[in-house]
Amino acid sequence: MEWWHTSLPSKKTTSNRKIMCIECWDRKSVLLVDFLPQSSTINAGVYCDTLKKLRHAIQNKRRGMLSWDVVMIHDNARPHTAATMQNLIMTFGWEQFDHHSYSPDLAPSDFHLFLQLKSFLAGWRFHDEVKEAITTCFASLAASFYNEGIQKPVQRYDKCLNNGGNYVEK
């Protein structure tokens, strides 16, 4: 939606068609992009369903990996800390590496993957093909890009701790 001064001719830009997605990736590539139905929100049930899809994706794309340690990085938002969610993760035998909510400087998707996606999508106007564009962007990235994104949190956590917990920009 755009706001225009009342003296200007009216112009409407629709933004009510937002699409939410959950992306899961490792040091090689994106394992899963789960697009949620329009106007839906993420709750424990939706997140549990996504993790079941992720487990299946790991089984298909990373044969044998589920016998290793799977470590998830996510914050302490309610859907992540819900009892049903915690039980599911325990059932899978996965570990959790937690970080505080609203810490984009410590979330690899926020400071690494989404920056690349934003750059890739810059200047495009979408109607219905945004899902394909997101999938294309993620598929076009090399394994070294994903590996770098997995390695960066260590440096960023150190920098954040050395800053007394203050925001880390670069």
Protein backbone atom coordinates (compact mmCIF):
# COMPACT_ATOMS: atom_id res chain seq x y z
CA MET A 1 0.00 0.00 0.00
CA GLU A 2 1.30 3.46 -0.79
CA TRP A 3 0.35 6.67 0.98
CA TRP A 4 -0.19 9.69 -1.22
CA HIS A 5 -0.83 13.27 -0.29
CA THR A 6 -4.47 14.20 -0.73
CA SER A 7 -3.60 16.84 -3.33
CA LEU A 8 -2.04 14.18 -5.63
CA PRO A 9 -4.11 11.96 -7.90
CA SER A 10 -4.95 8.70 -6.15
CA LYS A 11 -2.89 5.66 -7.00
CA LYS A 12 -3.27 2.26 -5.38
CA THR A 13 -0.64 -0.44 -5.15
CA THR A 14 -1.90 -3.73 -3.82
CA SER A 15 0.18 -5.42 -1.17
CA ASN A 16 -2.47 -7.71 0.22
CA ARG A 17 -1.01 -10.66 -1.69
CA LYS A 18 2.03 -11.21 0.51
CA ILE A 19 3.46 -14.68 0.56
CA MET A 20 5.14 -16.14 3.63
CA CYS A 21 7.64 -18.93 3.38
CA ILE A 22 9.81 -20.97 5.70
CA GLU A 23 13.19 -21.89 4.27
CA CYS A 24 15.51 -24.55 5.69
CA TRP A 25 19.07 -24.89 4.45
CA ASP A 26 22.40 -26.45 5.28
CA ARG A 27 25.99 -25.94 4.17
CA LYS A 28 25.25 -27.29 0.66
CA SER A 29 21.90 -25.88 -0.44
CA VAL A 30 18.31 -25.11 0.49
CA LEU A 31 16.66 -28.29 1.69
CA LEU A 32 13.10 -27.01 1.86
CA VAL A 33 11.09 -23.92 0.96
CA ASP A 34 7.61 -24.20 2.41
CA PHE A 35 5.17 -21.55 1.16
CA LEU A 36 2.30 -20.98 3.55
CA PRO A 37 -1.26 -20.41 2.34
CA GLN A 38 -2.14 -16.74 1.90
CA SER A 39 -3.22 -14.94 5.10
CA SER A 40 -1.94 -17.75 7.32
CA THR A 41 0.40 -17.34 10.25
CA ILE A 42 3.07 -19.57 11.70
CA ASN A 43 1.98 -21.40 14.80
CA ALA A 44 3.24 -24.58 16.46
CA GLY A 45 1.07 -26.84 14.27
CA VAL A 46 2.24 -25.24 11.02
CA TYR A 47 5.85 -25.30 12.19
CA CYS A 48 5.60 -28.99 13.19
CA ASP A 49 4.19 -29.82 9.75
CA THR A 50 7.11 -27.95 8.15
CA LEU A 51 9.65 -29.85 10.25
CA LYS A 52 8.10 -33.14 9.17
CA LYS A 53 8.54 -31.99 5.56
CA LEU A 54 12.12 -31.00 6.39
CA ARG A 55 12.86 -34.43 7.83
CA HIS A 56 11.54 -36.00 4.63
CA ALA A 57 13.63 -33.59 2.52
CA ILE A 58 16.76 -34.48 4.50
CA GLN A 59 16.04 -38.17 3.96
CA ASN A 60 15.76 -37.57 0.21
CA LYS A 61 18.54 -35.02 -0.34
CA ARG A 62 21.11 -35.98 2.30
CA ARG A 63 20.94 -39.74 2.55
CA GLY A 64 22.40 -40.93 5.84
CA MET A 65 22.46 -37.47 7.39
CA LEU A 66 19.66 -38.22 9.83
CA SER A 67 21.96 -40.74 11.51
CA TRP A 68 24.34 -37.83 12.24
CA ASP A 69 23.63 -34.90 14.49
CA VAL A 70 21.14 -32.47 12.98
CA VAL A 71 21.42 -29.07 14.64
CA MET A 72 18.68 -26.50 14.08
CA ILE A 73 19.26 -22.79 14.53
CA HIS A 74 16.12 -20.94 15.49
CA ASP A 75 15.04 -18.31 17.96
CA ASN A 76 12.80 -18.60 21.01
CA ALA A 77 9.58 -17.50 19.29
CA ARG A 78 6.44 -19.20 20.62
CA PRO A 79 6.01 -21.68 17.75
CA HIS A 80 9.60 -22.84 18.31
CA THR A 81 9.24 -23.29 22.06
CA ALA A 82 5.78 -24.89 22.13
CA ALA A 83 5.64 -28.28 23.86
CA THR A 84 4.44 -30.08 20.70
CA MET A 85 7.36 -28.58 18.77
CA GLN A 86 9.92 -29.51 21.42
CA ASN A 87 8.54 -33.06 21.60
CA LEU A 88 8.79 -33.43 17.82
CA ILE A 89 12.41 -32.24 17.78
CA MET A 90 13.21 -34.64 20.62
CA THR A 91 11.49 -37.49 18.74
CA PHE A 92 13.65 -36.72 15.69
CA GLY A 93 16.76 -36.66 17.90
CA TRP A 94 17.75 -33.22 16.64
CA GLU A 95 19.69 -30.63 18.60
CA GLN A 96 18.77 -26.95 18.88
CA PHE A 97 21.14 -24.01 18.80
CA ASP A 98 19.03 -21.20 20.17
CA HIS A 99 19.44 -17.47 19.85
CA HIS A 100 17.30 -14.61 21.09
CA SER A 101 14.24 -13.43 19.21
CA TYR A 102 14.65 -10.41 16.98
CA SER A 103 18.40 -10.90 16.53
CA PRO A 104 18.76 -10.64 12.74
CA ASP A 105 22.47 -10.08 13.18
CA LEU A 106 22.76 -13.63 14.54
CA ALA A 107 20.28 -15.40 12.24
CA PRO A 108 22.01 -16.82 9.13
CA SER A 109 18.87 -16.56 7.01
CA ASP A 110 18.43 -12.90 7.87
CA PHE A 111 22.02 -11.70 7.44
CA HIS A 112 23.11 -14.05 4.65
CA LEU A 113 20.41 -15.80 2.62
CA PHE A 114 17.77 -13.05 2.55
CA LEU A 115 20.29 -10.38 1.59
CA GLN A 116 21.10 -12.42 -1.51
CA LEU A 117 17.40 -12.99 -2.21
CA LYS A 118 16.68 -9.26 -1.85
CA SER A 119 19.46 -8.46 -4.32
CA PHE A 120 18.20 -11.14 -6.75
CA LEU A 121 14.61 -9.85 -6.67
CA ALA A 122 15.51 -6.14 -6.82
CA GLY A 123 13.52 -4.26 -9.46
CA TRP A 124 11.11 -7.12 -10.24
CA ARG A 125 7.34 -6.71 -10.06
CA PHE A 126 5.45 -9.90 -9.40
CA HIS A 127 1.98 -11.20 -9.91
CA ASP A 128 1.89 -14.95 -9.33
CA GLU A 129 5.44 -16.03 -10.22
CA VAL A 130 7.20 -14.96 -7.01
CA LYS A 131 7.42 -18.55 -5.71
CA GLU A 132 9.27 -19.62 -8.84
CA ALA A 133 11.63 -16.62 -8.58
CA ILE A 134 12.49 -17.46 -4.97
CA THR A 135 13.11 -21.10 -5.84
CA THR A 136 15.26 -20.06 -8.83
CA CYS A 137 17.33 -17.72 -6.68
CA PHE A 138 18.04 -20.37 -4.05
CA ALA A 139 18.87 -22.99 -6.71
CA SER A 140 21.29 -20.62 -8.46
CA LEU A 141 23.52 -20.21 -5.40
CA ALA A 142 26.67 -22.32 -5.12
CA ALA A 143 27.36 -24.67 -2.21
CA SER A 144 30.20 -22.35 -1.15
CA PHE A 145 27.63 -19.58 -0.57
CA TYR A 146 25.64 -21.79 1.81
CA ASN A 147 28.78 -23.04 3.56
CA GLU A 148 29.91 -19.44 4.13
CA GLY A 149 26.51 -18.64 5.64
CA ILE A 150 26.83 -21.55 8.08
CA GLN A 151 30.33 -20.41 9.12
CA LYS A 152 29.48 -16.72 9.66
CA PRO A 153 27.44 -17.07 12.88
CA VAL A 154 30.54 -18.10 14.84
CA GLN A 155 32.28 -14.81 14.02
CA ARG A 156 29.09 -12.81 14.53
CA TYR A 157 28.39 -14.41 17.94
CA ASP A 158 31.96 -13.60 19.03
CA LYS A 159 31.59 -10.00 17.84
CA CYS A 160 28.22 -9.66 19.59
CA LEU A 161 29.65 -11.01 22.85
CA ASN A 162 32.63 -8.65 22.58
CA ASN A 163 30.18 -5.74 22.05
CA GLY A 164 28.37 -6.60 25.26
CA GLY A 165 25.41 -8.03 23.33
CA ASN A 166 24.89 -4.96 21.17
CA TYR A 167 23.73 -5.13 17.56
CA VAL A 168 26.30 -6.32 15.00
CA GLU A 169 26.00 -4.69 11.58
CA LYS A 170 29.02 -6.11 9.75
